[in-house]
C-alpha cells in the first residue's frame, strides 16, 4: 500500500469518526430552541406587576373579578407559554406597558404554566 493510499484511508477514518460524533451530538440536542423560564422568578414578577388585577397565587386575597386568575389561565386548554409571551411583549390597551424583558416574560410564562392542573 502506498503512502498516499494510507493517508487517504486515515483521512476517511477521521471524517467517519467526526461525522459519527456530530450525529450523536445533534441527536442529543433539542429540535428547536427552548427557552426555559424560572417559575420562582416569574412568581415575583407576577406579584409585582400582575397582582393588582389578577389573583396570581393561592395566598392572594383579592383581585379584579373582571380578569381571570393565573390558575384559571393555566387551566385553559388553549394555554400556551409561547402565545402568552407574544401577548406580553405587546399587551392589550387595558394592561400597563410593563416593558418586560424576554427573560422576564419566559419566567412569568413558566410560573403560570406551573399552575396547570
PDB file of N, CA and C in Angstrom:
ATOM      1  N   UNK A   1       0.842  -1.162   0.000  1.00  0.00           N
ATOM      2  CA  UNK A   1       0.000   0.000   0.000  1.00  0.00           C
ATOM      3  C   UNK A   1       0.898   1.238   0.000  1.00  0.00           C
ATOM      4  N   UNK A   2       0.538   2.180  -0.796  1.00  0.00           N
ATOM      5  CA  UNK A   2       1.359   3.378  -0.925  1.00  0.00           C
ATOM      6  C   UNK A   2       1.072   4.342   0.222  1.00  0.00           C
ATOM      7  N   UNK A   3       1.987   5.241   0.411  1.00  0.00           N
ATOM      8  CA  UNK A   3       1.849   6.250   1.456  1.00  0.00           C
ATOM      9  C   UNK A   3       0.622   7.127   1.200  1.00  0.00           C
ATOM     10  N   UNK A   4       0.402   7.451  -0.054  1.00  0.00           N
ATOM     11  CA  UNK A   4      -0.748   8.295  -0.403  1.00  0.00           C
ATOM     12  C   UNK A   4      -2.052   7.575  -0.068  1.00  0.00           C
ATOM     13  N   UNK A   5      -2.125   6.299  -0.351  1.00  0.00           N
ATOM     14  CA  UNK A   5      -3.323   5.499  -0.091  1.00  0.00           C
ATOM     15  C   UNK A   5      -3.599   5.418   1.416  1.00  0.00           C
ATOM     16  N   UNK A   6      -2.541   5.212   2.217  1.00  0.00           N
ATOM     17  CA  UNK A   6      -2.688   5.168   3.681  1.00  0.00           C
ATOM     18  C   UNK A   6      -3.200   6.501   4.203  1.00  0.00           C
ATOM     19  N   UNK A   7      -2.696   7.574   3.659  1.00  0.00           N
ATOM     20  CA  UNK A   7      -3.107   8.913   4.074  1.00  0.00           C
ATOM     21  C   UNK A   7      -4.591   9.142   3.757  1.00  0.00           C
ATOM     22  N   UNK A   8      -5.018   8.668   2.594  1.00  0.00           N
ATOM     23  CA  UNK A   8      -6.423   8.816   2.210  1.00  0.00           C
ATOM     24  C   UNK A   8      -7.328   8.021   3.147  1.00  0.00           C
ATOM     25  N   UNK A   9      -6.926   6.812   3.487  1.00  0.00           N
ATOM     26  CA  UNK A   9      -7.713   5.974   4.402  1.00  0.00           C
ATOM     27  C   UNK A   9      -7.776   6.601   5.802  1.00  0.00           C
ATOM     28  N   UNK A  10      -6.673   7.144   6.261  1.00  0.00           N
ATOM     29  CA  UNK A  10      -6.652   7.793   7.577  1.00  0.00           C
ATOM     30  C   UNK A  10      -7.573   9.003   7.579  1.00  0.00           C
ATOM     31  N   UNK A  11      -7.564   9.754   6.494  1.00  0.00           N
ATOM     32  CA  UNK A  11      -8.451  10.912   6.380  1.00  0.00           C
ATOM     33  C   UNK A  11      -9.909  10.472   6.392  1.00  0.00           C
ATOM     34  N   UNK A  12     -10.228   9.425   5.653  1.00  0.00           N
ATOM     35  CA  UNK A  12     -11.599   8.909   5.634  1.00  0.00           C
ATOM     36  C   UNK A  12     -12.041   8.435   7.014  1.00  0.00           C
ATOM     37  N   UNK A  13     -11.138   7.759   7.739  1.00  0.00           N
ATOM     38  CA  UNK A  13     -11.442   7.305   9.096  1.00  0.00           C
ATOM     39  C   UNK A  13     -11.749   8.480  10.020  1.00  0.00           C
ATOM     40  N   UNK A  14     -10.900   9.523   9.933  1.00  0.00           N
ATOM     41  CA  UNK A  14     -11.126  10.715  10.774  1.00  0.00           C
ATOM     42  C   UNK A  14     -12.470  11.357  10.447  1.00  0.00           C
ATOM     43  N   UNK A  15     -12.794  11.437   9.169  1.00  0.00           N
ATOM     44  CA  UNK A  15     -14.079  12.026   8.764  1.00  0.00           C
ATOM     45  C   UNK A  15     -15.246  11.174   9.268  1.00  0.00           C
ATOM     46  N   UNK A  16     -15.101   9.869   9.208  1.00  0.00           N
ATOM     47  CA  UNK A  16     -16.164   8.985   9.690  1.00  0.00           C
ATOM     48  C   UNK A  16     -16.362   9.139  11.193  1.00  0.00           C
ATOM     49  N   UNK A  17     -15.270   9.228  11.923  1.00  0.00           N
ATOM     50  CA  UNK A  17     -15.355   9.407  13.380  1.00  0.00           C
ATOM     51  C   UNK A  17     -15.979  10.752  13.710  1.00  0.00           C
ATOM     52  N   UNK A  18     -15.520  11.798  13.028  1.00  0.00           N
ATOM     53  CA  UNK A  18     -16.070  13.131  13.260  1.00  0.00           C
ATOM     54  C   UNK A  18     -17.548  13.181  12.907  1.00  0.00           C
ATOM     55  N   UNK A  19     -17.923  12.575  11.796  1.00  0.00           N
ATOM     56  CA  UNK A  19     -19.329  12.531  11.386  1.00  0.00           C
ATOM     57  C   UNK A  19     -20.185  11.808  12.407  1.00  0.00           C
ATOM     58  N   UNK A  20     -19.686  10.697  12.922  1.00  0.00           N
ATOM     59  CA  UNK A  20     -20.427   9.942  13.940  1.00  0.00           C
ATOM     60  C   UNK A  20     -20.601  10.765  15.210  1.00  0.00           C
ATOM     61  N   UNK A  21     -19.550  11.459  15.597  1.00  0.00           N
ATOM     62  CA  UNK A  21     -19.627  12.297  16.796  1.00  0.00           C
ATOM     63  C   UNK A  21     -20.632  13.430  16.610  1.00  0.00           C
ATOM     64  N   UNK A  22     -20.627  14.068  15.447  1.00  0.00           N
ATOM     65  CA  UNK A  22     -21.580  15.152  15.175  1.00  0.00           C
ATOM     66  C   UNK A  22     -23.012  14.634  15.145  1.00  0.00           C
ATOM     67  N   UNK A  23     -23.228  13.467  14.584  1.00  0.00           N
ATOM     68  CA  UNK A  23     -24.546  12.868  14.540  1.00  0.00           C
ATOM     69  C   UNK A  23     -25.048  12.566  15.952  1.00  0.00           C
ATOM     70  N   UNK A  24     -24.194  12.008  16.788  1.00  0.00           N
ATOM     71  CA  UNK A  24     -24.577  11.713  18.169  1.00  0.00           C
ATOM     72  C   UNK A  24     -24.893  12.994  18.926  1.00  0.00           C
ATOM     73  N   UNK A  25     -24.100  14.022  18.724  1.00  0.00           N
ATOM     74  CA  UNK A  25     -24.336  15.300  19.386  1.00  0.00           C
ATOM     75  C   UNK A  25     -25.643  15.929  18.930  1.00  0.00           C
ATOM     76  N   UNK A  26     -25.923  15.902  17.643  1.00  0.00           N
ATOM     77  CA  UNK A  26     -27.153  16.508  17.139  1.00  0.00           C
ATOM     78  C   UNK A  26     -28.380  15.759  17.642  1.00  0.00           C
ATOM     79  N   UNK A  27     -28.279  14.474  17.844  1.00  0.00           N
ATOM     80  CA  UNK A  27     -29.401  13.705  18.369  1.00  0.00           C
ATOM     81  C   UNK A  27     -29.694  14.070  19.814  1.00  0.00           C
ATOM     82  N   UNK A  28     -28.686  14.519  20.537  1.00  0.00           N
ATOM     83  CA  UNK A  28     -28.866  14.873  21.942  1.00  0.00           C
ATOM     84  C   UNK A  28     -29.423  16.280  22.130  1.00  0.00           C
ATOM     85  N   UNK A  29     -29.375  17.113  21.100  1.00  0.00           N
ATOM     86  CA  UNK A  29     -29.846  18.487  21.201  1.00  0.00           C
ATOM     87  C   UNK A  29     -31.333  18.567  20.886  1.00  0.00           C
ATOM     88  N   UNK A  30     -32.039  19.546  21.474  1.00  0.00           N
ATOM     89  CA  UNK A  30     -33.457  19.698  21.154  1.00  0.00           C
ATOM     90  C   UNK A  30     -33.637  20.099  19.690  1.00  0.00           C
ATOM     91  N   UNK A  31     -34.791  19.749  19.139  1.00  0.00           N
ATOM     92  CA  UNK A  31     -35.065  20.028  17.731  1.00  0.00           C
ATOM     93  C   UNK A  31     -35.228  21.517  17.465  1.00  0.00           C
ATOM     94  N   UNK A  32     -35.712  22.256  18.441  1.00  0.00           N
ATOM     95  CA  UNK A  32     -35.867  23.695  18.272  1.00  0.00           C
ATOM     96  C   UNK A  32     -35.381  24.376  19.534  1.00  0.00           C
ATOM     97  N   UNK A  33     -35.042  25.644  19.426  1.00  0.00           N
ATOM     98  CA  UNK A  33     -34.558  26.333  20.616  1.00  0.00           C
ATOM     99  C   UNK A  33     -35.643  26.379  21.688  1.00  0.00           C
ATOM    100  N   UNK A  34     -35.261  26.097  22.892  1.00  0.00           N
ATOM    101  CA  UNK A  34     -36.203  26.101  24.002  1.00  0.00           C
ATOM    102  C   UNK A  34     -35.736  27.123  25.019  1.00  0.00           C
ATOM    103  N   UNK A  35     -36.639  27.977  25.390  1.00  0.00           N
ATOM    104  CA  UNK A  35     -36.321  28.925  26.435  1.00  0.00           C
ATOM    105  C   UNK A  35     -37.005  28.428  27.701  1.00  0.00           C
ATOM    106  N   UNK A  36     -36.229  28.128  28.678  1.00  0.00           N
ATOM    107  CA  UNK A  36     -36.783  27.651  29.925  1.00  0.00           C
ATOM    108  C   UNK A  36     -36.855  28.812  30.898  1.00  0.00           C
ATOM    109  N   UNK A  37     -38.045  29.083  31.385  1.00  0.00           N
ATOM    110  CA  UNK A  37     -38.210  30.153  32.347  1.00  0.00           C
ATOM    111  C   UNK A  37     -38.053  29.644  33.764  1.00  0.00           C
ATOM    112  N   UNK A  38     -37.851  30.560  34.670  1.00  0.00           N
ATOM    113  CA  UNK A  38     -37.711  30.271  36.089  1.00  0.00           C
ATOM    114  C   UNK A  38     -39.033  30.631  36.765  1.00  0.00           C
ATOM    115  N   UNK A  39     -39.802  29.616  37.163  1.00  0.00           N
ATOM    116  CA  UNK A  39     -41.129  29.837  37.723  1.00  0.00           C
ATOM    117  C   UNK A  39     -41.084  30.668  39.017  1.00  0.00           C
ATOM    118  N   UNK A  40     -40.077  30.461  39.862  1.00  0.00           N
ATOM    119  CA  UNK A  40     -39.980  31.234  41.111  1.00  0.00           C
ATOM    120  C   UNK A  40     -39.776  32.716  40.811  1.00  0.00           C
ATOM    121  N   UNK A  41     -38.920  33.011  39.834  1.00  0.00           N
ATOM    122  CA  UNK A  41     -38.723  34.409  39.437  1.00  0.00           C
ATOM    123  C   UNK A  41     -40.002  34.950  38.803  1.00  0.00           C
ATOM    124  N   UNK A  42     -40.720  34.101  38.077  1.00  0.00           N
ATOM    125  CA  UNK A  42     -41.990  34.503  37.475  1.00  0.00           C
ATOM    126  C   UNK A  42     -43.028  34.865  38.516  1.00  0.00           C
ATOM    127  N   UNK A  43     -43.051  34.154  39.634  1.00  0.00           N
ATOM    128  CA  UNK A  43     -43.979  34.490  40.716  1.00  0.00           C
ATOM    129  C   UNK A  43     -43.691  35.882  41.255  1.00  0.00           C
ATOM    130  N   UNK A  44     -42.447  36.212  41.419  1.00  0.00           N
ATOM    131  CA  UNK A  44     -42.091  37.549  41.911  1.00  0.00           C
ATOM    132  C   UNK A  44     -42.520  38.634  40.923  1.00  0.00           C
ATOM    133  N   UNK A  45     -42.342  38.381  39.645  1.00  0.00           N
ATOM    134  CA  UNK A  45     -42.792  39.330  38.621  1.00  0.00           C
ATOM    135  C   UNK A  45     -44.311  39.467  38.688  1.00  0.00           C
ATOM    136  N   UNK A  46     -45.001  38.351  38.837  1.00  0.00           N
ATOM    137  CA  UNK A  46     -46.463  38.371  38.922  1.00  0.00           C
ATOM    138  C   UNK A  46     -46.925  39.179  40.123  1.00  0.00           C
ATOM    139  N   UNK A  47     -46.280  38.991  41.255  1.00  0.00           N
ATOM    140  CA  UNK A  47     -46.664  39.748  42.455  1.00  0.00           C
ATOM    141  C   UNK A  47     -46.418  41.238  42.268  1.00  0.00           C
ATOM    142  N   UNK A  48     -45.364  41.583  41.540  1.00  0.00           N
ATOM    143  CA  UNK A  48     -45.020  42.992  41.328  1.00  0.00           C
ATOM    144  C   UNK A  48     -45.937  43.643  40.294  1.00  0.00           C
ATOM    145  N   UNK A  49     -46.138  42.983  39.155  1.00  0.00           N
ATOM    146  CA  UNK A  49     -46.826  43.612  38.035  1.00  0.00           C
ATOM    147  C   UNK A  49     -48.278  43.204  37.856  1.00  0.00           C
ATOM    148  N   UNK A  50     -48.654  42.038  38.281  1.00  0.00           N
ATOM    149  CA  UNK A  50     -49.952  41.485  37.876  1.00  0.00           C
ATOM    150  C   UNK A  50     -50.984  41.407  38.994  1.00  0.00           C
ATOM    151  N   UNK A  51     -50.532  41.415  40.241  1.00  0.00           N
ATOM    152  CA  UNK A  51     -51.432  41.168  41.372  1.00  0.00           C
ATOM    153  C   UNK A  51     -52.449  42.283  41.606  1.00  0.00           C
ATOM    154  N   UNK A  52     -52.259  43.435  41.017  1.00  0.00           N
ATOM    155  CA  UNK A  52     -53.258  44.499  41.173  1.00  0.00           C
ATOM    156  C   UNK A  52     -54.582  44.094  40.523  1.00  0.00           C
ATOM    157  N   UNK A  53     -54.525  43.277  39.500  1.00  0.00           N
ATOM    158  CA  UNK A  53     -55.746  42.858  38.799  1.00  0.00           C
ATOM    159  C   UNK A  53     -55.999  41.356  38.909  1.00  0.00           C
ATOM    160  N   UNK A  54     -54.966  40.544  38.672  1.00  0.00           N
ATOM    161  CA  UNK A  54     -55.102  39.088  38.679  1.00  0.00           C
ATOM    162  C   UNK A  54     -54.771  38.517  40.052  1.00  0.00           C
ATOM    163  N   UNK A  55     -55.457  37.461  40.414  1.00  0.00           N
ATOM    164  CA  UNK A  55     -55.022  36.677  41.576  1.00  0.00           C
ATOM    165  C   UNK A  55     -53.926  35.768  41.037  1.00  0.00           C
ATOM    166  N   UNK A  56     -52.709  35.980  41.538  1.00  0.00           N
ATOM    167  CA  UNK A  56     -51.551  35.303  40.966  1.00  0.00           C
ATOM    168  C   UNK A  56     -51.126  34.051  41.725  1.00  0.00           C
ATOM    169  N   UNK A  57     -51.552  33.922  42.975  1.00  0.00           N
ATOM    170  CA  UNK A  57     -51.238  32.702  43.732  1.00  0.00           C
ATOM    171  C   UNK A  57     -52.293  32.480  44.805  1.00  0.00           C
ATOM    172  N   UNK A  58     -52.219  31.336  45.457  1.00  0.00           N
ATOM    173  CA  UNK A  58     -53.256  30.948  46.425  1.00  0.00           C
ATOM    174  C   UNK A  58     -53.244  31.786  47.696  1.00  0.00           C
ATOM    175  N   UNK A  59     -52.189  32.534  47.934  1.00  0.00           N
ATOM    176  CA  UNK A  59     -52.136  33.354  49.147  1.00  0.00           C
ATOM    177  C   UNK A  59     -52.784  34.727  48.951  1.00  0.00           C
ATOM    178  N   UNK A  60     -53.012  35.114  47.716  1.00  0.00           N
ATOM    179  CA  UNK A  60     -53.589  36.435  47.441  1.00  0.00           C
ATOM    180  C   UNK A  60     -55.074  36.430  47.780  1.00  0.00           C
ATOM    181  N   UNK A  61     -55.522  37.453  48.490  1.00  0.00           N
ATOM    182  CA  UNK A  61     -56.893  37.519  48.966  1.00  0.00           C
ATOM    183  C   UNK A  61     -57.867  38.131  47.962  1.00  0.00           C
ATOM    184  N   UNK A  62     -57.404  39.078  47.142  1.00  0.00           N
ATOM    185  CA  UNK A  62     -58.355  39.717  46.238  1.00  0.00           C
ATOM    186  C   UNK A  62     -57.690  40.135  44.937  1.00  0.00           C
ATOM    187  N   UNK A  63     -58.522  40.315  43.939  1.00  0.00           N
ATOM    188  CA  UNK A  63     -58.114  40.777  42.621  1.00  0.00           C
ATOM    189  C   UNK A  63     -59.365  41.254  41.917  1.00  0.00           C
ATOM    190  N   UNK A  64     -59.254  41.626  40.695  1.00  0.00           N
ATOM    191  CA  UNK A  64     -60.411  42.091  39.934  1.00  0.00           C
ATOM    192  C   UNK A  64     -61.232  40.892  39.470  1.00  0.00           C
ATOM    193  N   UNK A  65     -62.530  40.980  39.681  1.00  0.00           N
ATOM    194  CA  UNK A  65     -63.415  39.907  39.222  1.00  0.00           C
ATOM    195  C   UNK A  65     -63.522  39.889  37.701  1.00  0.00           C
ATOM    196  N   UNK A  66     -63.103  40.970  37.056  1.00  0.00           N
ATOM    197  CA  UNK A  66     -63.230  41.087  35.605  1.00  0.00           C
ATOM    198  C   UNK A  66     -62.121  40.361  34.844  1.00  0.00           C
ATOM    199  N   UNK A  67     -61.097  39.875  35.541  1.00  0.00           N
ATOM    200  CA  UNK A  67     -59.983  39.204  34.875  1.00  0.00           C
ATOM    201  C   UNK A  67     -59.791  37.811  35.469  1.00  0.00           C
ATOM    202  N   UNK A  68     -59.285  36.878  34.682  1.00  0.00           N
ATOM    203  CA  UNK A  68     -59.085  35.525  35.197  1.00  0.00           C
ATOM    204  C   UNK A  68     -57.907  35.455  36.171  1.00  0.00           C
ATOM    205  N   UNK A  69     -57.984  34.500  37.066  1.00  0.00           N
ATOM    206  CA  UNK A  69     -56.843  34.242  37.943  1.00  0.00           C
ATOM    207  C   UNK A  69     -55.769  33.557  37.105  1.00  0.00           C
ATOM    208  N   UNK A  70     -54.553  33.554  37.610  1.00  0.00           N
ATOM    209  CA  UNK A  70     -53.474  32.868  36.882  1.00  0.00           C
ATOM    210  C   UNK A  70     -53.741  31.364  36.817  1.00  0.00           C
ATOM    211  N   UNK A  71     -54.340  30.804  37.864  1.00  0.00           N
ATOM    212  CA  UNK A  71     -54.662  29.376  37.846  1.00  0.00           C
ATOM    213  C   UNK A  71     -55.693  29.076  36.755  1.00  0.00           C
ATOM    214  N   UNK A  72     -56.662  29.984  36.568  1.00  0.00           N
ATOM    215  CA  UNK A  72     -57.645  29.796  35.501  1.00  0.00           C
ATOM    216  C   UNK A  72     -56.973  29.879  34.135  1.00  0.00           C
ATOM    217  N   UNK A  73     -56.064  30.822  33.974  1.00  0.00           N
ATOM    218  CA  UNK A  73     -55.332  30.932  32.707  1.00  0.00           C
ATOM    219  C   UNK A  73     -54.569  29.646  32.414  1.00  0.00           C
ATOM    220  N   UNK A  74     -53.877  29.133  33.421  1.00  0.00           N
ATOM    221  CA  UNK A  74     -53.063  27.922  33.245  1.00  0.00           C
ATOM    222  C   UNK A  74     -53.921  26.707  32.931  1.00  0.00           C
ATOM    223  N   UNK A  75     -55.150  26.692  33.430  1.00  0.00           N
ATOM    224  CA  UNK A  75     -56.034  25.553  33.225  1.00  0.00           C
ATOM    225  C   UNK A  75     -56.773  25.552  31.902  1.00  0.00           C
ATOM    226  N   UNK A  76     -56.681  26.629  31.151  1.00  0.00           N
ATOM    227  CA  UNK A  76     -57.362  26.681  29.861  1.00  0.00           C
ATOM    228  C   UNK A  76     -56.725  25.695  28.883  1.00  0.00           C
ATOM    229  N   UNK A  77     -57.542  24.996  28.109  1.00  0.00           N
ATOM    230  CA  UNK A  77     -56.975  24.027  27.165  1.00  0.00           C
ATOM    231  C   UNK A  77     -56.099  24.677  26.097  1.00  0.00           C
ATOM    232  N   UNK A  78     -56.336  25.951  25.816  1.00  0.00           N
ATOM    233  CA  UNK A  78     -55.548  26.621  24.788  1.00  0.00           C
ATOM    234  C   UNK A  78     -54.370  27.411  25.353  1.00  0.00           C
ATOM    235  N   UNK A  79     -54.077  27.251  26.657  1.00  0.00           N
ATOM    236  CA  UNK A  79     -52.959  27.984  27.246  1.00  0.00           C
ATOM    237  C   UNK A  79     -51.653  27.502  26.637  1.00  0.00           C
ATOM    238  N   UNK A  80     -50.816  28.454  26.281  1.00  0.00           N
ATOM    239  CA  UNK A  80     -49.534  28.155  25.662  1.00  0.00           C
ATOM    240  C   UNK A  80     -48.547  29.236  26.085  1.00  0.00           C
ATOM    241  N   UNK A  81     -47.401  28.841  26.611  1.00  0.00           N
ATOM    242  CA  UNK A  81     -46.402  29.816  27.066  1.00  0.00           C
ATOM    243  C   UNK A  81     -45.929  30.726  25.939  1.00  0.00           C
ATOM    244  N   UNK A  82     -45.787  30.171  24.742  1.00  0.00           N
ATOM    245  CA  UNK A  82     -45.306  30.973  23.609  1.00  0.00           C
ATOM    246  C   UNK A  82     -46.312  32.064  23.262  1.00  0.00           C
ATOM    247  N   UNK A  83     -47.590  31.715  23.199  1.00  0.00           N
ATOM    248  CA  UNK A  83     -48.625  32.690  22.888  1.00  0.00           C
ATOM    249  C   UNK A  83     -48.703  33.742  23.985  1.00  0.00           C
ATOM    250  N   UNK A  84     -48.591  33.315  25.229  1.00  0.00           N
ATOM    251  CA  UNK A  84     -48.577  34.270  26.344  1.00  0.00           C
ATOM    252  C   UNK A  84     -47.402  35.223  26.205  1.00  0.00           C
ATOM    253  N   UNK A  85     -46.250  34.685  25.857  1.00  0.00           N
ATOM    254  CA  UNK A  85     -45.067  35.522  25.687  1.00  0.00           C
ATOM    255  C   UNK A  85     -45.257  36.569  24.603  1.00  0.00           C
ATOM    256  N   UNK A  86     -45.865  36.167  23.490  1.00  0.00           N
ATOM    257  CA  UNK A  86     -46.129  37.115  22.402  1.00  0.00           C
ATOM    258  C   UNK A  86     -47.101  38.201  22.861  1.00  0.00           C
ATOM    259  N   UNK A  87     -48.111  37.797  23.616  1.00  0.00           N
ATOM    260  CA  UNK A  87     -49.084  38.752  24.130  1.00  0.00           C
ATOM    261  C   UNK A  87     -48.426  39.748  25.087  1.00  0.00           C
ATOM    262  N   UNK A  88     -47.600  39.235  25.992  1.00  0.00           N
ATOM    263  CA  UNK A  88     -46.968  40.112  26.983  1.00  0.00           C
ATOM    264  C   UNK A  88     -45.930  41.048  26.354  1.00  0.00           C
ATOM    265  N   UNK A  89     -45.381  40.649  25.222  1.00  0.00           N
ATOM    266  CA  UNK A  89     -44.426  41.512  24.532  1.00  0.00           C
ATOM    267  C   UNK A  89     -45.131  42.740  23.947  1.00  0.00           C
ATOM    268  N   UNK A  90     -46.433  42.611  23.702  1.00  0.00           N
ATOM    269  CA  UNK A  90     -47.230  43.716  23.164  1.00  0.00           C
ATOM    270  C   UNK A  90     -48.624  43.637  23.791  1.00  0.00           C
ATOM    271  N   UNK A  91     -48.763  44.015  25.077  1.00  0.00           N
ATOM    272  CA  UNK A  91     -50.025  43.813  25.800  1.00  0.00           C
ATOM    273  C   UNK A  91     -51.168  44.670  25.259  1.00  0.00           C
ATOM    274  N   UNK A  92     -52.394  44.226  25.572  1.00  0.00           N
ATOM    275  CA  UNK A  92     -53.571  44.968  25.118  1.00  0.00           C
ATOM    276  C   UNK A  92     -53.688  46.287  25.884  1.00  0.00           C
ATOM    277  N   UNK A  93     -54.486  47.222  25.385  1.00  0.00           N
ATOM    278  CA  UNK A  93     -54.541  48.567  25.969  1.00  0.00           C
ATOM    279  C   UNK A  93     -54.920  48.632  27.448  1.00  0.00           C
ATOM    280  N   UNK A  94     -55.717  47.693  27.945  1.00  0.00           N
ATOM    281  CA  UNK A  94     -56.120  47.755  29.355  1.00  0.00           C
ATOM    282  C   UNK A  94     -54.993  47.368  30.302  1.00  0.00           C
ATOM    283  N   UNK A  95     -53.957  46.746  29.771  1.00  0.00           N
ATOM    284  CA  UNK A  95     -52.826  46.357  30.610  1.00  0.00           C
ATOM    285  C   UNK A  95     -51.752  47.430  30.546  1.00  0.00           C
ATOM    286  N   UNK A  96     -51.037  47.623  31.649  1.00  0.00           N
ATOM    287  CA  UNK A  96     -49.934  48.587  31.596  1.00  0.00           C
ATOM    288  C   UNK A  96     -48.802  48.046  30.731  1.00  0.00           C
ATOM    289  N   UNK A  97     -48.046  48.943  30.141  1.00  0.00           N
ATOM    290  CA  UNK A  97     -46.869  48.522  29.381  1.00  0.00           C
ATOM    291  C   UNK A  97     -45.765  48.242  30.393  1.00  0.00           C
ATOM    292  N   UNK A  98     -45.578  46.988  30.704  1.00  0.00           N
ATOM    293  CA  UNK A  98     -44.639  46.602  31.752  1.00  0.00           C
ATOM    294  C   UNK A  98     -43.206  46.610  31.257  1.00  0.00           C
ATOM    295  N   UNK A  99     -43.014  46.627  29.950  1.00  0.00           N
ATOM    296  CA  UNK A  99     -41.674  46.611  29.347  1.00  0.00           C
ATOM    297  C   UNK A  99     -40.824  45.487  29.937  1.00  0.00           C
ATOM    298  N   UNK A 100     -41.391  44.285  29.964  1.00  0.00           N
ATOM    299  CA  UNK A 100     -40.667  43.122  30.481  1.00  0.00           C
ATOM    300  C   UNK A 100     -39.630  42.670  29.468  1.00  0.00           C
ATOM    301  N   UNK A 101     -38.522  42.179  29.967  1.00  0.00           N
ATOM    302  CA  UNK A 101     -37.502  41.606  29.094  1.00  0.00           C
ATOM    303  C   UNK A 101     -37.982  40.244  28.619  1.00  0.00           C
ATOM    304  N   UNK A 102     -37.329  39.693  27.611  1.00  0.00           N
ATOM    305  CA  UNK A 102     -37.685  38.358  27.116  1.00  0.00           C
ATOM    306  C   UNK A 102     -37.544  37.324  28.237  1.00  0.00           C
ATOM    307  N   UNK A 103     -36.499  37.454  29.038  1.00  0.00           N
ATOM    308  CA  UNK A 103     -36.299  36.525  30.156  1.00  0.00           C
ATOM    309  C   UNK A 103     -37.396  36.629  31.193  1.00  0.00           C
ATOM    310  N   UNK A 104     -37.825  37.851  31.497  1.00  0.00           N
ATOM    311  CA  UNK A 104     -38.910  38.041  32.470  1.00  0.00           C
ATOM    312  C   UNK A 104     -40.219  37.458  31.936  1.00  0.00           C
ATOM    313  N   UNK A 105     -40.458  37.638  30.649  1.00  0.00           N
ATOM    314  CA  UNK A 105     -41.657  37.058  30.034  1.00  0.00           C
ATOM    315  C   UNK A 105     -41.595  35.531  30.115  1.00  0.00           C
ATOM    316  N   UNK A 106     -40.441  34.957  29.838  1.00  0.00           N
ATOM    317  CA  UNK A 106     -40.280  33.499  29.942  1.00  0.00           C
ATOM    318  C   UNK A 106     -40.516  33.030  31.373  1.00  0.00           C
ATOM    319  N   UNK A 107     -40.014  33.794  32.341  1.00  0.00           N
ATOM    320  CA  UNK A 107     -40.200  33.429  33.746  1.00  0.00           C
ATOM    321  C   UNK A 107     -41.679  33.497  34.132  1.00  0.00           C
ATOM    322  N   UNK A 108     -42.363  34.545  33.704  1.00  0.00           N
ATOM    323  CA  UNK A 108     -43.783  34.684  34.008  1.00  0.00           C
ATOM    324  C   UNK A 108     -44.574  33.549  33.361  1.00  0.00           C
ATOM    325  N   UNK A 109     -44.249  33.236  32.117  1.00  0.00           N
ATOM    326  CA  UNK A 109     -44.916  32.111  31.446  1.00  0.00           C
ATOM    327  C   UNK A 109     -44.675  30.788  32.147  1.00  0.00           C
ATOM    328  N   UNK A 110     -43.450  30.573  32.616  1.00  0.00           N
ATOM    329  CA  UNK A 110     -43.135  29.334  33.340  1.00  0.00           C
ATOM    330  C   UNK A 110     -43.909  29.263  34.639  1.00  0.00           C
ATOM    331  N   UNK A 111     -44.060  30.406  35.313  1.00  0.00           N
ATOM    332  CA  UNK A 111     -44.825  30.399  36.564  1.00  0.00           C
ATOM    333  C   UNK A 111     -46.291  30.051  36.299  1.00  0.00           C
ATOM    334  N   UNK A 112     -46.877  30.733  35.314  1.00  0.00           N
ATOM    335  CA  UNK A 112     -48.301  30.449  35.028  1.00  0.00           C
ATOM    336  C   UNK A 112     -48.463  28.997  34.600  1.00  0.00           C
ATOM    337  N   UNK A 113     -47.584  28.491  33.775  1.00  0.00           N
ATOM    338  CA  UNK A 113     -47.659  27.093  33.337  1.00  0.00           C
ATOM    339  C   UNK A 113     -47.546  26.133  34.523  1.00  0.00           C
ATOM    340  N   UNK A 114     -46.793  26.537  35.546  1.00  0.00           N
ATOM    341  CA  UNK A 114     -46.626  25.665  36.725  1.00  0.00           C
ATOM    342  C   UNK A 114     -47.926  25.517  37.515  1.00  0.00           C
ATOM    343  N   UNK A 115     -48.885  26.371  37.263  1.00  0.00           N
ATOM    344  CA  UNK A 115     -50.163  26.321  37.968  1.00  0.00           C
ATOM    345  C   UNK A 115     -51.172  25.395  37.302  1.00  0.00           C
ATOM    346  N   UNK A 116     -50.838  24.862  36.151  1.00  0.00           N
ATOM    347  CA  UNK A 116     -51.768  23.991  35.418  1.00  0.00           C
ATOM    348  C   UNK A 116     -52.111  22.765  36.256  1.00  0.00           C
ATOM    349  N   UNK A 117     -53.366  22.367  36.179  1.00  0.00           N
ATOM    350  CA  UNK A 117     -53.790  21.183  36.973  1.00  0.00           C
ATOM    351  C   UNK A 117     -53.133  19.910  36.503  1.00  0.00           C
TER     352      UNK A 117
END
